[in-house]
Amino acid sequence: MAPLGLDCNCNRGKVLPGARPKGIIGYGRKHAMFERVTSDPQIMRGRACIRGMRLPVSVIVKQIAHGATVDEILDEYPDLQAEDVREAVRYAACVVSEEGLPE
């Protein structure tokens, strides 16, 4: 497995049944590939967040980009789990991939 679990196959993900698609993730729903990344227009204006918390994926990814370790992030955000951090990185990798995610 690649560091932080970067084994993303972005083209296979689909929005779960019953979700109203809005870009990558359905409103208030999870993307089929991402159990921990959610989007809800009532939370952080629909930005991709971890498990419905008011913690955007972008915050976690920026901390990693600035050199924070998973343990440092978990210390700073006690409600997070290591898998939340790994999935945030996988999500970011899919969003910026050349192939992209299906709508």
C-alpha atoms as a PDB file:
ATOM      1  CA  MET A   1       0.000   0.000   0.000  1.00  0.00           C
ATOM      2  CA  ALA A   2       1.228   3.498  -0.807  1.00  0.00           C
ATOM      3  CA  PRO A   3       1.933   6.012   1.992  1.00  0.00           C
ATOM      4  CA  LEU A   4      -1.280   7.147   3.739  1.00  0.00           C
ATOM      5  CA  GLY A   5      -3.235   4.612   1.700  1.00  0.00           C
ATOM      6  CA  LEU A   6      -3.129   6.423  -1.641  1.00  0.00           C
ATOM      7  CA  ASP A   7      -4.716   3.579  -3.594  1.00  0.00           C
ATOM      8  CA  CYS A   8      -7.419   5.674  -5.216  1.00  0.00           C
ATOM      9  CA  ASN A   9      -9.252   4.415  -8.271  1.00  0.00           C
ATOM     10  CA  CYS A  10     -11.331   7.523  -8.797  1.00  0.00           C
ATOM     11  CA  ASN A  11     -13.285   6.439 -11.843  1.00  0.00           C
ATOM     12  CA  ARG A  12     -15.066   3.657 -10.004  1.00  0.00           C
ATOM     13  CA  GLY A  13     -16.825   5.800  -7.413  1.00  0.00           C
ATOM     14  CA  LYS A  14     -20.497   6.589  -7.725  1.00  0.00           C
ATOM     15  CA  VAL A  15     -22.860   8.650  -5.628  1.00  0.00           C
ATOM     16  CA  LEU A  16     -24.935   6.441  -3.378  1.00  0.00           C
ATOM     17  CA  PRO A  17     -28.557   5.814  -4.417  1.00  0.00           C
ATOM     18  CA  GLY A  18     -30.971   8.538  -3.389  1.00  0.00           C
ATOM     19  CA  ALA A  19     -28.332  11.271  -3.241  1.00  0.00           C
ATOM     20  CA  ARG A  20     -28.864  14.511  -5.142  1.00  0.00           C
ATOM     21  CA  PRO A  21     -25.562  15.012  -6.943  1.00  0.00           C
ATOM     22  CA  LYS A  22     -23.811  18.321  -6.359  1.00  0.00           C
ATOM     23  CA  GLY A  23     -20.397  18.139  -7.937  1.00  0.00           C
ATOM     24  CA  ILE A  24     -18.421  15.274  -6.444  1.00  0.00           C
ATOM     25  CA  ILE A  25     -20.582  14.368  -3.447  1.00  0.00           C
ATOM     26  CA  GLY A  26     -24.355  14.313  -3.126  1.00  0.00           C
ATOM     27  CA  TYR A  27     -26.061  16.775  -0.774  1.00  0.00           C
ATOM     28  CA  GLY A  28     -25.849  15.541   2.795  1.00  0.00           C
ATOM     29  CA  ARG A  29     -24.644  12.183   1.585  1.00  0.00           C
ATOM     30  CA  LYS A  30     -21.470  10.195   1.303  1.00  0.00           C
ATOM     31  CA  HIS A  31     -19.699   9.337  -1.902  1.00  0.00           C
ATOM     32  CA  ALA A  32     -19.619   5.566  -2.417  1.00  0.00           C
ATOM     33  CA  MET A  33     -15.804   5.545  -2.339  1.00  0.00           C
ATOM     34  CA  PHE A  34     -15.577   7.780   0.713  1.00  0.00           C
ATOM     35  CA  GLU A  35     -17.281   6.613   3.889  1.00  0.00           C
ATOM     36  CA  ARG A  36     -15.900   9.477   5.984  1.00  0.00           C
ATOM     37  CA  VAL A  37     -16.083  12.428   3.576  1.00  0.00           C
ATOM     38  CA  THR A  38     -19.495  14.078   3.566  1.00  0.00           C
ATOM     39  CA  SER A  39     -21.088  17.190   2.154  1.00  0.00           C
ATOM     40  CA  ASP A  40     -24.113  18.954   3.600  1.00  0.00           C
ATOM     41  CA  PRO A  41     -25.252  22.459   2.595  1.00  0.00           C
ATOM     42  CA  GLN A  42     -26.046  23.125   6.275  1.00  0.00           C
ATOM     43  CA  ILE A  43     -22.471  22.353   7.377  1.00  0.00           C
ATOM     44  CA  MET A  44     -19.637  24.583   6.170  1.00  0.00           C
ATOM     45  CA  ARG A  45     -21.715  25.635   3.128  1.00  0.00           C
ATOM     46  CA  GLY A  46     -21.491  22.147   1.647  1.00  0.00           C
ATOM     47  CA  ARG A  47     -17.702  21.892   1.675  1.00  0.00           C
ATOM     48  CA  ALA A  48     -16.294  18.377   1.887  1.00  0.00           C
ATOM     49  CA  CYS A  49     -15.960  17.602   5.610  1.00  0.00           C
ATOM     50  CA  ILE A  50     -15.025  14.644   7.746  1.00  0.00           C
ATOM     51  CA  ARG A  51     -17.995  12.621   9.049  1.00  0.00           C
ATOM     52  CA  GLY A  52     -20.350  15.612   9.127  1.00  0.00           C
ATOM     53  CA  MET A  53     -18.116  17.521  11.532  1.00  0.00           C
ATOM     54  CA  ARG A  54     -17.288  21.145  10.928  1.00  0.00           C
ATOM     55  CA  LEU A  55     -13.808  20.123   9.871  1.00  0.00           C
ATOM     56  CA  PRO A  56     -13.195  20.523   6.136  1.00  0.00           C
ATOM     57  CA  VAL A  57     -11.020  18.036   4.314  1.00  0.00           C
ATOM     58  CA  SER A  58      -8.956  21.006   3.110  1.00  0.00           C
ATOM     59  CA  VAL A  59      -7.800  21.771   6.673  1.00  0.00           C
ATOM     60  CA  ILE A  60      -6.392  18.273   7.081  1.00  0.00           C
ATOM     61  CA  VAL A  61      -4.765  18.266   3.650  1.00  0.00           C
ATOM     62  CA  LYS A  62      -3.166  21.687   4.248  1.00  0.00           C
ATOM     63  CA  GLN A  63      -1.704  20.494   7.528  1.00  0.00           C
ATOM     64  CA  ILE A  64      -0.164  17.473   5.809  1.00  0.00           C
ATOM     65  CA  ALA A  65       1.149  19.738   3.039  1.00  0.00           C
ATOM     66  CA  HIS A  66       2.870  21.841   5.711  1.00  0.00           C
ATOM     67  CA  GLY A  67       4.584  18.805   7.191  1.00  0.00           C
ATOM     68  CA  ALA A  68       2.233  17.695   9.970  1.00  0.00           C
ATOM     69  CA  THR A  69       2.216  13.989  10.746  1.00  0.00           C
ATOM     70  CA  VAL A  70      -0.946  11.963  11.201  1.00  0.00           C
ATOM     71  CA  ASP A  71      -0.208  11.760  14.939  1.00  0.00           C
ATOM     72  CA  GLU A  72       0.168  15.551  15.184  1.00  0.00           C
ATOM     73  CA  ILE A  73      -3.173  16.045  13.433  1.00  0.00           C
ATOM     74  CA  LEU A  74      -4.861  13.505  15.715  1.00  0.00           C
ATOM     75  CA  ASP A  75      -3.426  15.293  18.763  1.00  0.00           C
ATOM     76  CA  GLU A  76      -4.812  18.604  17.519  1.00  0.00           C
ATOM     77  CA  TYR A  77      -8.248  17.173  16.653  1.00  0.00           C
ATOM     78  CA  PRO A  78      -9.107  14.497  19.240  1.00  0.00           C
ATOM     79  CA  ASP A  79     -12.395  13.588  17.516  1.00  0.00           C
ATOM     80  CA  LEU A  80     -10.525  12.462  14.397  1.00  0.00           C
ATOM     81  CA  GLN A  81      -9.301   8.960  13.723  1.00  0.00           C
ATOM     82  CA  ALA A  82      -6.295   7.949  11.628  1.00  0.00           C
ATOM     83  CA  GLU A  83      -8.603   6.620   8.910  1.00  0.00           C
ATOM     84  CA  ASP A  84     -10.238  10.086   8.672  1.00  0.00           C
ATOM     85  CA  VAL A  85      -6.850  11.584   7.802  1.00  0.00           C
ATOM     86  CA  ARG A  86      -6.054   8.848   5.279  1.00  0.00           C
ATOM     87  CA  GLU A  87      -9.428   9.248   3.603  1.00  0.00           C
ATOM     88  CA  ALA A  88      -9.027  13.043   3.438  1.00  0.00           C
ATOM     89  CA  VAL A  89      -5.783  12.516   1.524  1.00  0.00           C
ATOM     90  CA  ARG A  90      -7.380   9.913  -0.773  1.00  0.00           C
ATOM     91  CA  TYR A  91     -10.276  12.299  -1.445  1.00  0.00           C
ATOM     92  CA  ALA A  92      -7.886  15.151  -2.270  1.00  0.00           C
ATOM     93  CA  ALA A  93      -5.884  12.871  -4.572  1.00  0.00           C
ATOM     94  CA  CYS A  94      -9.045  11.961  -6.476  1.00  0.00           C
ATOM     95  CA  VAL A  95     -10.219  15.542  -6.747  1.00  0.00           C
ATOM     96  CA  VAL A  96      -6.950  16.693  -8.283  1.00  0.00           C
ATOM     97  CA  SER A  97      -6.326  13.627 -10.442  1.00  0.00           C
ATOM     98  CA  GLU A  98      -6.277  14.059 -14.190  1.00  0.00           C
ATOM     99  CA  GLU A  99      -9.026  11.495 -14.583  1.00  0.00           C
ATOM    100  CA  GLY A 100     -11.292  13.080 -11.985  1.00  0.00           C
ATOM    101  CA  LEU A 101     -14.418  11.675 -10.400  1.00  0.00           C
ATOM    102  CA  PRO A 102     -17.653  10.967 -12.205  1.00  0.00           C
ATOM    103  CA  GLU A 103     -20.498  13.415 -11.728  1.00  0.00           C
END
